[in-house]
Amino acid sequence: MLLQPCEIRWHERFTAMTTVAAATMALVARSLLALLVALACLAVDRSAATSSSLVGVNYGRVGDNLPPPQAVPHLLGSIGVGRVRIYDADPTVLRAFANTGIEVVIGLPDRCLPSMASDPNEALAWARANIQAYLPATKIAAVTVGNEVLTNSNDTDFALARCLVPAMEALHSALVSLGLDKDVAVTTAHSLAVLATPSYPPSATVFRHELIPFICPLIAFHARTGSPFFANAYPYFAYEQEHSEVALAYARLDPGAASITDPGTGLCYTNLLYAQIDAVYHAIAAAGGDAAKKVEVRVSETGWPSAGDPQEIGATPENAAKYNSNLIRLVNGKKGTPLKPGTPLRAYIFALFNENQKPGPTSERNYGLFKADGTPAYHLDIEVPQDEDSSSGGGSGTSMPDGSSSPGFFSYTAAAERRSHWQCKTMVLMAAAIAGFLMH
C-alpha cells in the first residue's frame, strides 16, 4: 500500500523523533552509568586509603622540594599504609587527610608546653582549633605533646620537663570537656636516651635517675588514660656505633639472625628492636609499680638511612630496604615481643620523605621511603595483609600488656572496607542494569 504525502511526512517525523529519543536515552544511560561508577570508585578509593596495617609512617616536612600534602595519601596507599604521624597540626596537612580514612597523629610543639601547663583555657582553645575543627573528616587519633622533651639538650634546668605531664593533663581534660577523650589519645614521644642502661640485657634496664620525678607521673597518666608510651627506637644507631659488637642481621631484623638470650629472664631475642622495646617495658616496670602493668609501649619512630657520611657505617639503600621491609613484615605478623607476646607490636617508620633541609650528618636527610619527587628511595619487599579485627575507631578493644582491654586507639576496621567493596559492586551492577534497560 502506498503512503500518502502527509503520511510520509508524519512517518519521517516519527522516525526522527524515535531516533532522537533513543539517542537521548542512551546518552542519559551512559551518563548515569558513568556517574554511578565514578561514585562507586570514589567509595573504593576512600576505603582503600584506610589501611588495616599496624604500621604507620612519620611525615616530616623539613624540606623545600617536597610534594604537596594533597599527594601524600596516594603515596601512603601505594605501600599499604593507613597511619601517619606529623609533628604539628598544620591545617593544610590536616585538610589533605580529610575523608581519606588515614589515621593521623598530630603534634603539639615544645614551645606550647609552658602556656598549656599553666592555663587550662589555652589547652581548650588549642583542642578546639586543632582537633575538634577537623573531626570527624580527618581521623585524628592522638596528640604527641612535645617530642623527646625529657632529653632536650637545651632544657638543662628541666624547666620544660616539669611542664610535660601538666600540659598532657590539661590537654586531656580539654578533650574530656569536648567529649573527645575516648577518640583522641594524649601521649608524648621519647628518645631511648631516657634509659640509664643500653638495651642489653633488657631486664636490667632502668630510666635515668634524674628523670624519675618526671617519668613516674607520666606512667601514672598513661595507665589512667589508656594512652600508649611512645618510644623512638633505632637499631641503626646501635649498629653504627658498635658495629663490631652488634651483628648487622640482628640490627636489621633479618629472619634467622643469631639470637641473644637475656640472662635475667631467659627470654630469647632474635632482633635488636624487640630488645629495645622490652628494655623500655622493664624500665617502666621498675619505675611505675602496679600502674606499669597497664602501659603499652609503641614505637613512634624507627628507621634506617639509605645514605650517610663515610663514617656512618651501614647507611645504604640495601640495608634501609631490608630493615623497613623486615619491620613491616614483623609488625604485620601481629606478634608481640618476647616479654609481651600478647601485645602486637605497633610502629611508625621514619620517615616518608628524604628531607633536604634537616641539619646534621648526611644520614639525617636520607631516612625517607620516598625521594622528594615522590619516587621510591628503594624497593620495599612487602605485602600488607588485611586485619580481621571487626572493631572500629578509637573505641575498639585491644589486648593490653596486663591482659586487660584497652580503649584501642589507632585501630582500623577491615569490615568497613568490605562493606565499601560490596557497596561499590552493588552500585556498579545497579548502574549497568539501569543503563541496559534505558538503552533497550
Foldseek 3Di string as FASTA:
>chain_A
DDDDPVVVVVVVVVVVVVVVQLVVLLVVLVVLLVVLLVVLVVLLQLLLLAAQFLEAFEAEAQADQFDFLLCVSVLCSVVRHQEYEYAAQDPRNQVSQFSNNREYEHEDALVCQVVLLVDLVSLLVCCVVRPVVSPPRRQYQEYAYHEQLVPPPVCVVCPSLVSRVSNQVSNLVSCVVVVNLLFYYYEHEHELLQWPDDLVPLLPIAGDPVCLVSLQVRLLVCLVSVNAHEYADELLVVCLVCVVVDPLCQSLLPPPADWDARVVPRFIRSHVVLSSLSSVLNRCCVRHPPSSQQHHYAYEEYFAFQDWDPSSPPRRQVSRQSNVLSVSVQQLVQAHHRLQRQHGYHYYYPHQEQHPNDDDTPRNRGRHCAYSVSHGPHDHPHDRDHDQDQDAGSQDWGQGSNRDTGSDGPGHHCVSSVVSVVVSVVSSVVSVVSSVVSSD
